[in-house]
Amino acid sequence: MQTEYPFYEPGQTVQGKVFILTDQPIMTSGIQIEVSGKEKNKFLRFWSEYRHHPPAHEGGHPRTERIDHREKLKQKNHFIDEKTRIISLSGLAPGAHCVGFSFTLPTGLPSSFFFKNDHVREKPKAKVKYHIKVKLEGTNIKSKQVLMIREPAVKFKEGDEQFEKSDINTCCCISQGTSCLKTEFEKNIYCPNECAKAIMHIDNKECKVDTTHVTFAVEQRIVIHIKGHNHTTVRNLVSH
């Protein structure tokens, strides 16, 4: 089985071909195609509770016991699970055969994704994976391949700007006025290994304290939600 492109976006039409080479007749009623996509998330949750016990004897002191808990949280979601016959047959003769197929992906599908971190005690893992499977009905002959889904491209924009105005306090609650920071990037989309350039404008005239330095960082933030609980992983990609 071979699809036309290596990856697709939600809402696009997937086209491909099934190739069959056999040196003997095959009894089959048709060719079935199955498209599936699911999400699997998990992480370990840790928490503690305290139990207070009365004194063991008169005049003694009450005792507090700490009980540590650990729970493995898992979650599965299915985004697509469809089967359809792409062609009906009354058997397949020896030789080489080629059958085309096409189907349209639902809109709103999340992109293919895999994340795993075994270096922290929560051991978070998250993945979104899609497959296409083709089977000759009435036989155990089948083929399966991964279908890559990516998010729709972000609209290109030049001169992307971000602006933030912050209240500056010292000693926790003494107001020192406000400070403004504006960042201007050349564009809003960058590829790996591409140099991202930006200009930062600092307006500190409404603040009573001096600005001594400016730091810059690009972070990758992944949040996994399961049963009302969440685990957040923050990875610093660039820091200056």
C-alpha atoms as a PDB file:
ATOM      1  CA  MET A   1       0.000   0.000   0.000  1.00  0.00           C
ATOM      2  CA  GLN A   2       1.250   3.473  -0.849  1.00  0.00           C
ATOM      3  CA  THR A   3      -0.310   6.889  -0.216  1.00  0.00           C
ATOM      4  CA  GLU A   4       0.174   9.809  -2.556  1.00  0.00           C
ATOM      5  CA  TYR A   5       1.886  12.070   0.020  1.00  0.00           C
ATOM      6  CA  PRO A   6       3.958  11.375   3.171  1.00  0.00           C
ATOM      7  CA  PHE A   7       1.682  13.505   5.400  1.00  0.00           C
ATOM      8  CA  TYR A   8      -1.741  15.154   5.329  1.00  0.00           C
ATOM      9  CA  GLU A   9      -3.722  17.871   7.076  1.00  0.00           C
ATOM     10  CA  PRO A  10      -7.215  17.468   8.619  1.00  0.00           C
ATOM     11  CA  GLY A  11      -9.967  17.773   5.994  1.00  0.00           C
ATOM     12  CA  GLN A  12      -7.724  16.742   3.101  1.00  0.00           C
ATOM     13  CA  THR A  13      -8.422  13.806   0.780  1.00  0.00           C
ATOM     14  CA  VAL A  14      -6.019  10.873   1.061  1.00  0.00           C
ATOM     15  CA  GLN A  15      -5.385   9.025  -2.178  1.00  0.00           C
ATOM     16  CA  GLY A  16      -3.319   5.879  -2.622  1.00  0.00           C
ATOM     17  CA  LYS A  17      -2.934   2.490  -4.248  1.00  0.00           C
ATOM     18  CA  VAL A  18      -2.940  -1.124  -3.112  1.00  0.00           C
ATOM     19  CA  PHE A  19      -0.512  -3.438  -4.924  1.00  0.00           C
ATOM     20  CA  ILE A  20      -1.074  -7.197  -4.870  1.00  0.00           C
ATOM     21  CA  LEU A  21       1.264  -9.778  -6.391  1.00  0.00           C
ATOM     22  CA  THR A  22       0.213 -13.433  -6.199  1.00  0.00           C
ATOM     23  CA  ASP A  23       1.264 -16.626  -7.967  1.00  0.00           C
ATOM     24  CA  GLN A  24      -1.954 -18.479  -7.097  1.00  0.00           C
ATOM     25  CA  PRO A  25      -5.694 -17.689  -7.050  1.00  0.00           C
ATOM     26  CA  ILE A  26      -7.023 -16.040  -3.886  1.00  0.00           C
ATOM     27  CA  MET A  27     -10.595 -16.561  -2.705  1.00  0.00           C
ATOM     28  CA  THR A  28     -11.728 -13.123  -1.514  1.00  0.00           C
ATOM     29  CA  SER A  29     -14.932 -11.099  -1.708  1.00  0.00           C
ATOM     30  CA  GLY A  30     -13.220  -7.722  -1.759  1.00  0.00           C
ATOM     31  CA  ILE A  31     -10.612  -5.363  -0.385  1.00  0.00           C
ATOM     32  CA  GLN A  32     -11.338  -3.519   2.844  1.00  0.00           C
ATOM     33  CA  ILE A  33      -9.583  -0.389   4.092  1.00  0.00           C
ATOM     34  CA  GLU A  34      -9.569   0.691   7.736  1.00  0.00           C
ATOM     35  CA  VAL A  35      -8.508   4.115   9.016  1.00  0.00           C
ATOM     36  CA  SER A  36      -7.857   4.530  12.730  1.00  0.00           C
ATOM     37  CA  GLY A  37      -6.499   7.268  14.949  1.00  0.00           C
ATOM     38  CA  LYS A  38      -6.145   7.342  18.708  1.00  0.00           C
ATOM     39  CA  GLU A  39      -4.489   9.128  21.562  1.00  0.00           C
ATOM     40  CA  LYS A  40      -2.804   7.521  24.584  1.00  0.00           C
ATOM     41  CA  ASN A  41      -1.667   9.513  27.610  1.00  0.00           C
ATOM     42  CA  LYS A  42      -0.293   8.465  30.975  1.00  0.00           C
ATOM     43  CA  PHE A  43       1.745   9.693  33.930  1.00  0.00           C
ATOM     44  CA  LEU A  44       2.286   8.836  37.594  1.00  0.00           C
ATOM     45  CA  ARG A  45       0.553  11.019  40.167  1.00  0.00           C
ATOM     46  CA  PHE A  46       2.022  11.442  43.667  1.00  0.00           C
ATOM     47  CA  TRP A  47       0.356  12.973  46.714  1.00  0.00           C
ATOM     48  CA  SER A  48       0.390  12.726  50.510  1.00  0.00           C
ATOM     49  CA  GLU A  49      -2.223  12.831  53.227  1.00  0.00           C
ATOM     50  CA  TYR A  50      -1.889  13.214  56.973  1.00  0.00           C
ATOM     51  CA  ARG A  51      -3.762  11.330  59.684  1.00  0.00           C
ATOM     52  CA  HIS A  52      -3.875  12.585  63.247  1.00  0.00           C
ATOM     53  CA  HIS A  53      -3.927   9.969  66.014  1.00  0.00           C
ATOM     54  CA  PRO A  54      -4.807  10.617  69.682  1.00  0.00           C
ATOM     55  CA  PRO A  55      -2.214   9.980  72.393  1.00  0.00           C
ATOM     56  CA  ALA A  56      -1.495   6.318  72.949  1.00  0.00           C
ATOM     57  CA  HIS A  57      -1.811   6.801  76.697  1.00  0.00           C
ATOM     58  CA  GLU A  58      -2.943   9.452  79.154  1.00  0.00           C
ATOM     59  CA  GLY A  59      -0.525  12.338  79.215  1.00  0.00           C
ATOM     60  CA  GLY A  60       1.026  11.352  75.913  1.00  0.00           C
ATOM     61  CA  HIS A  61       1.334  13.450  72.763  1.00  0.00           C
ATOM     62  CA  PRO A  62      -0.872  13.152  69.697  1.00  0.00           C
ATOM     63  CA  ARG A  63       0.799  11.609  66.661  1.00  0.00           C
ATOM     64  CA  THR A  64       0.602  12.660  63.004  1.00  0.00           C
ATOM     65  CA  GLU A  65       1.114  10.025  60.341  1.00  0.00           C
ATOM     66  CA  ARG A  66       2.073  10.855  56.770  1.00  0.00           C
ATOM     67  CA  ILE A  67       0.810   8.475  54.099  1.00  0.00           C
ATOM     68  CA  ASP A  68       2.299   8.735  50.592  1.00  0.00           C
ATOM     69  CA  HIS A  69       0.245   7.670  47.591  1.00  0.00           C
ATOM     70  CA  ARG A  70       1.066   6.889  43.986  1.00  0.00           C
ATOM     71  CA  GLU A  71      -1.418   6.389  41.166  1.00  0.00           C
ATOM     72  CA  LYS A  72      -0.897   5.560  37.497  1.00  0.00           C
ATOM     73  CA  LEU A  73      -3.235   7.704  35.410  1.00  0.00           C
ATOM     74  CA  LYS A  74      -4.112   6.568  31.872  1.00  0.00           C
ATOM     75  CA  GLN A  75      -6.406   7.872  29.178  1.00  0.00           C
ATOM     76  CA  LYS A  76      -7.330   6.795  25.648  1.00  0.00           C
ATOM     77  CA  ASN A  77      -9.259   8.711  22.997  1.00  0.00           C
ATOM     78  CA  HIS A  78     -10.320   7.568  19.529  1.00  0.00           C
ATOM     79  CA  PHE A  79     -10.513  10.268  16.872  1.00  0.00           C
ATOM     80  CA  ILE A  80     -11.364   8.123  13.882  1.00  0.00           C
ATOM     81  CA  ASP A  81     -12.213   4.437  13.360  1.00  0.00           C
ATOM     82  CA  GLU A  82     -13.753   3.722   9.966  1.00  0.00           C
ATOM     83  CA  LYS A  83     -13.904   0.649   7.726  1.00  0.00           C
ATOM     84  CA  THR A  84     -15.060   0.534   4.121  1.00  0.00           C
ATOM     85  CA  ARG A  85     -14.822  -1.820   1.146  1.00  0.00           C
ATOM     86  CA  ILE A  86     -12.945  -0.167  -1.700  1.00  0.00           C
ATOM     87  CA  ILE A  87     -13.747  -2.873  -4.261  1.00  0.00           C
ATOM     88  CA  SER A  88     -15.886  -6.006  -4.473  1.00  0.00           C
ATOM     89  CA  LEU A  89     -14.324  -9.148  -5.954  1.00  0.00           C
ATOM     90  CA  SER A  90     -15.276 -12.696  -6.813  1.00  0.00           C
ATOM     91  CA  GLY A  91     -11.787 -14.000  -6.230  1.00  0.00           C
ATOM     92  CA  LEU A  92      -8.385 -12.780  -7.360  1.00  0.00           C
ATOM     93  CA  ALA A  93      -6.532 -14.405 -10.258  1.00  0.00           C
ATOM     94  CA  PRO A  94      -2.748 -14.963 -10.228  1.00  0.00           C
ATOM     95  CA  GLY A  95      -0.724 -11.940 -11.336  1.00  0.00           C
ATOM     96  CA  ALA A  96      -0.043  -8.320 -10.392  1.00  0.00           C
ATOM     97  CA  HIS A  97      -3.009  -6.147  -9.398  1.00  0.00           C
ATOM     98  CA  CYS A  98      -3.323  -2.470  -8.508  1.00  0.00           C
ATOM     99  CA  VAL A  99      -6.396  -0.894  -6.892  1.00  0.00           C
ATOM    100  CA  GLY A 100      -6.764   2.785  -6.085  1.00  0.00           C
ATOM    101  CA  PHE A 101      -8.528   4.226  -3.042  1.00  0.00           C
ATOM    102  CA  SER A 102      -9.385   7.623  -1.590  1.00  0.00           C
ATOM    103  CA  PHE A 103     -11.047   8.999   1.538  1.00  0.00           C
ATOM    104  CA  THR A 104     -11.423  12.391   3.201  1.00  0.00           C
ATOM    105  CA  LEU A 105     -10.059  13.016   6.673  1.00  0.00           C
ATOM    106  CA  PRO A 106     -12.373  14.633   9.247  1.00  0.00           C
ATOM    107  CA  THR A 107     -11.661  18.241  10.149  1.00  0.00           C
ATOM    108  CA  GLY A 108     -10.316  19.074  13.573  1.00  0.00           C
ATOM    109  CA  LEU A 109      -8.013  16.054  13.913  1.00  0.00           C
ATOM    110  CA  PRO A 110      -4.993  16.612  16.203  1.00  0.00           C
ATOM    111  CA  SER A 111      -1.584  16.202  14.634  1.00  0.00           C
ATOM    112  CA  SER A 112       0.557  13.094  14.985  1.00  0.00           C
ATOM    113  CA  PHE A 113       2.588  13.413  18.155  1.00  0.00           C
ATOM    114  CA  PHE A 114       4.908  11.462  20.459  1.00  0.00           C
ATOM    115  CA  PHE A 115       6.373  12.533  23.798  1.00  0.00           C
ATOM    116  CA  LYS A 116       8.069  10.540  26.540  1.00  0.00           C
ATOM    117  CA  ASN A 117      10.198  11.520  29.529  1.00  0.00           C
ATOM    118  CA  ASP A 118      11.567   8.741  31.758  1.00  0.00           C
ATOM    119  CA  HIS A 119      13.955  11.102  33.560  1.00  0.00           C
ATOM    120  CA  VAL A 120      11.325  12.419  35.998  1.00  0.00           C
ATOM    121  CA  ARG A 121       9.415  10.380  38.569  1.00  0.00           C
ATOM    122  CA  GLU A 122       6.041  11.062  36.908  1.00  0.00           C
ATOM    123  CA  LYS A 123       7.306   9.365  33.691  1.00  0.00           C
ATOM    124  CA  PRO A 124       4.851  11.174  31.385  1.00  0.00           C
ATOM    125  CA  LYS A 125       4.028   9.740  27.975  1.00  0.00           C
ATOM    126  CA  ALA A 126       1.675  11.045  25.299  1.00  0.00           C
ATOM    127  CA  LYS A 127       1.108  10.068  21.694  1.00  0.00           C
ATOM    128  CA  VAL A 128      -1.336  10.550  18.846  1.00  0.00           C
ATOM    129  CA  LYS A 129      -1.003   7.974  16.079  1.00  0.00           C
ATOM    130  CA  TYR A 130      -2.903   7.178  12.885  1.00  0.00           C
ATOM    131  CA  HIS A 131      -2.877   4.019  10.746  1.00  0.00           C
ATOM    132  CA  ILE A 132      -4.242   2.816   7.423  1.00  0.00           C
ATOM    133  CA  LYS A 133      -4.824  -0.915   7.141  1.00  0.00           C
ATOM    134  CA  VAL A 134      -5.809  -2.814   3.994  1.00  0.00           C
ATOM    135  CA  LYS A 135      -7.099  -6.390   4.124  1.00  0.00           C
ATOM    136  CA  LEU A 136      -8.262  -8.976   1.602  1.00  0.00           C
ATOM    137  CA  GLU A 137     -11.638 -10.059   2.980  1.00  0.00           C
ATOM    138  CA  GLY A 138     -11.860 -13.722   3.944  1.00  0.00           C
ATOM    139  CA  THR A 139      -8.061 -14.084   4.217  1.00  0.00           C
ATOM    140  CA  ASN A 140      -5.275 -13.182   6.597  1.00  0.00           C
ATOM    141  CA  ILE A 141      -3.518 -11.101   3.927  1.00  0.00           C
ATOM    142  CA  LYS A 142      -3.192  -7.482   5.064  1.00  0.00           C
ATOM    143  CA  SER A 143      -0.935  -4.452   5.003  1.00  0.00           C
ATOM    144  CA  LYS A 144      -0.618  -1.617   7.486  1.00  0.00           C
ATOM    145  CA  GLN A 145       1.164   1.733   7.434  1.00  0.00           C
ATOM    146  CA  VAL A 146       1.382   4.826   9.615  1.00  0.00           C
ATOM    147  CA  LEU A 147      -0.556   7.879   8.426  1.00  0.00           C
ATOM    148  CA  MET A 148       1.115  11.140   9.411  1.00  0.00           C
ATOM    149  CA  ILE A 149      -1.178  14.066  10.220  1.00  0.00           C
ATOM    150  CA  ARG A 150       0.159  17.569  10.762  1.00  0.00           C
ATOM    151  CA  GLU A 151      -1.504  20.785  11.866  1.00  0.00           C
ATOM    152  CA  PRO A 152      -2.642  23.209   9.151  1.00  0.00           C
ATOM    153  CA  ALA A 153       0.057  25.710   8.279  1.00  0.00           C
ATOM    154  CA  VAL A 154      -0.044  28.982  10.191  1.00  0.00           C
ATOM    155  CA  LYS A 155      -0.680  32.006   8.019  1.00  0.00           C
ATOM    156  CA  PHE A 156       2.616  33.738   7.264  1.00  0.00           C
ATOM    157  CA  LYS A 157       2.943  37.221   8.687  1.00  0.00           C
ATOM    158  CA  GLU A 158       5.856  39.655   8.529  1.00  0.00           C
ATOM    159  CA  GLY A 159       6.764  42.009  11.362  1.00  0.00           C
ATOM    160  CA  ASP A 160       5.154  39.942  14.147  1.00  0.00           C
ATOM    161  CA  GLU A 161       4.911  41.983  17.375  1.00  0.00           C
ATOM    162  CA  GLN A 162       4.275  41.166  21.044  1.00  0.00           C
ATOM    163  CA  PHE A 163       3.624  43.846  23.671  1.00  0.00           C
ATOM    164  CA  GLU A 164       3.460  43.602  27.443  1.00  0.00           C
ATOM    165  CA  LYS A 165       2.997  46.217  30.161  1.00  0.00           C
ATOM    166  CA  SER A 166       3.912  45.141  33.695  1.00  0.00           C
ATOM    167  CA  ASP A 167       3.474  46.592  37.173  1.00  0.00           C
ATOM    168  CA  ILE A 168       6.838  46.707  38.939  1.00  0.00           C
ATOM    169  CA  ASN A 169       6.912  46.112  42.691  1.00  0.00           C
ATOM    170  CA  THR A 170       9.772  45.938  45.184  1.00  0.00           C
ATOM    171  CA  CYS A 171       9.707  44.353  48.640  1.00  0.00           C
ATOM    172  CA  CYS A 172       6.631  42.427  47.434  1.00  0.00           C
ATOM    173  CA  CYS A 173       4.132  45.304  47.616  1.00  0.00           C
ATOM    174  CA  ILE A 174       5.814  48.684  47.056  1.00  0.00           C
ATOM    175  CA  SER A 175       4.794  49.966  43.628  1.00  0.00           C
ATOM    176  CA  GLN A 176       7.559  51.376  41.463  1.00  0.00           C
ATOM    177  CA  GLY A 177       5.402  52.187  38.439  1.00  0.00           C
ATOM    178  CA  THR A 178       5.091  50.355  35.137  1.00  0.00           C
ATOM    179  CA  SER A 179       7.483  49.133  32.468  1.00  0.00           C
ATOM    180  CA  CYS A 180       6.692  48.259  28.854  1.00  0.00           C
ATOM    181  CA  LEU A 181       8.398  45.756  26.587  1.00  0.00           C
ATOM    182  CA  LYS A 182       7.701  45.309  22.884  1.00  0.00           C
ATOM    183  CA  THR A 183       9.313  42.607  20.755  1.00  0.00           C
ATOM    184  CA  GLU A 184       9.395  42.725  16.955  1.00  0.00           C
ATOM    185  CA  PHE A 185      10.227  39.543  15.029  1.00  0.00           C
ATOM    186  CA  GLU A 186      10.922  39.529  11.295  1.00  0.00           C
ATOM    187  CA  LYS A 187       8.142  36.956  10.813  1.00  0.00           C
ATOM    188  CA  ASN A 188       5.949  34.525  12.751  1.00  0.00           C
ATOM    189  CA  ILE A 189       7.157  31.194  11.252  1.00  0.00           C
ATOM    190  CA  TYR A 190      10.635  29.687  11.508  1.00  0.00           C
ATOM    191  CA  CYS A 191      12.104  26.356  10.425  1.00  0.00           C
ATOM    192  CA  PRO A 192      14.629  24.258  12.385  1.00  0.00           C
ATOM    193  CA  ASN A 193      18.205  25.617  12.159  1.00  0.00           C
ATOM    194  CA  GLU A 194      16.869  28.965  10.910  1.00  0.00           C
ATOM    195  CA  CYS A 195      18.117  32.115  12.654  1.00  0.00           C
ATOM    196  CA  ALA A 196      15.299  34.042  14.334  1.00  0.00           C
ATOM    197  CA  LYS A 197      15.990  37.760  14.663  1.00  0.00           C
ATOM    198  CA  ALA A 198      14.078  40.192  16.853  1.00  0.00           C
ATOM    199  CA  ILE A 199      14.301  43.751  18.150  1.00  0.00           C
ATOM    200  CA  MET A 200      13.234  44.555  21.719  1.00  0.00           C
ATOM    201  CA  HIS A 201      11.977  47.995  22.725  1.00  0.00           C
ATOM    202  CA  ILE A 202      11.990  48.841  26.443  1.00  0.00           C
ATOM    203  CA  ASP A 203       9.989  51.816  27.737  1.00  0.00           C
ATOM    204  CA  ASN A 204      10.990  52.366  31.348  1.00  0.00           C
ATOM    205  CA  LYS A 205      10.106  56.043  31.728  1.00  0.00           C
ATOM    206  CA  GLU A 206       7.108  55.301  33.987  1.00  0.00           C
ATOM    207  CA  CYS A 207       9.212  53.143  36.333  1.00  0.00           C
ATOM    208  CA  LYS A 208      11.264  54.350  39.320  1.00  0.00           C
ATOM    209  CA  VAL A 209      13.863  51.569  39.170  1.00  0.00           C
ATOM    210  CA  ASP A 210      16.446  50.971  36.464  1.00  0.00           C
ATOM    211  CA  THR A 211      16.387  48.098  33.991  1.00  0.00           C
ATOM    212  CA  THR A 212      19.687  46.266  34.345  1.00  0.00           C
ATOM    213  CA  HIS A 213      19.377  43.368  31.884  1.00  0.00           C
ATOM    214  CA  VAL A 214      17.020  41.574  29.486  1.00  0.00           C
ATOM    215  CA  THR A 215      16.769  37.787  29.163  1.00  0.00           C
ATOM    216  CA  PHE A 216      15.306  35.819  26.260  1.00  0.00           C
ATOM    217  CA  ALA A 217      14.100  32.209  26.123  1.00  0.00           C
ATOM    218  CA  VAL A 218      12.146  29.905  23.828  1.00  0.00           C
ATOM    219  CA  GLU A 219      10.217  27.241  25.725  1.00  0.00           C
ATOM    220  CA  GLN A 220       8.417  24.079  24.696  1.00  0.00           C
ATOM    221  CA  ARG A 221       5.483  23.469  27.043  1.00  0.00           C
ATOM    222  CA  ILE A 222       3.557  20.174  27.098  1.00  0.00           C
ATOM    223  CA  VAL A 223       0.529  19.711  29.371  1.00  0.00           C
ATOM    224  CA  ILE A 224      -1.152  16.310  29.811  1.00  0.00           C
ATOM    225  CA  HIS A 225      -4.684  16.320  31.304  1.00  0.00           C
ATOM    226  CA  ILE A 226      -6.144  13.083  32.739  1.00  0.00           C
ATOM    227  CA  LYS A 227      -9.205  12.793  35.007  1.00  0.00           C
ATOM    228  CA  GLY A 228      -8.986  16.324  36.362  1.00  0.00           C
ATOM    229  CA  HIS A 229      -5.235  16.115  36.998  1.00  0.00           C
ATOM    230  CA  ASN A 230      -2.425  17.421  34.824  1.00  0.00           C
ATOM    231  CA  HIS A 231       1.309  17.154  34.383  1.00  0.00           C
ATOM    232  CA  THR A 232       3.336  19.942  32.781  1.00  0.00           C
ATOM    233  CA  THR A 233       6.740  19.554  31.160  1.00  0.00           C
ATOM    234  CA  VAL A 234       8.689  22.677  30.222  1.00  0.00           C
ATOM    235  CA  ARG A 235      11.778  22.375  28.052  1.00  0.00           C
ATOM    236  CA  ASN A 236      14.052  25.345  27.468  1.00  0.00           C
ATOM    237  CA  LEU A 237      15.039  25.288  23.788  1.00  0.00           C
ATOM    238  CA  VAL A 238      16.978  28.578  23.648  1.00  0.00           C
ATOM    239  CA  SER A 239      18.152  30.874  26.416  1.00  0.00           C
ATOM    240  CA  HIS A 240      20.147  34.115  26.305  1.00  0.00           C
END
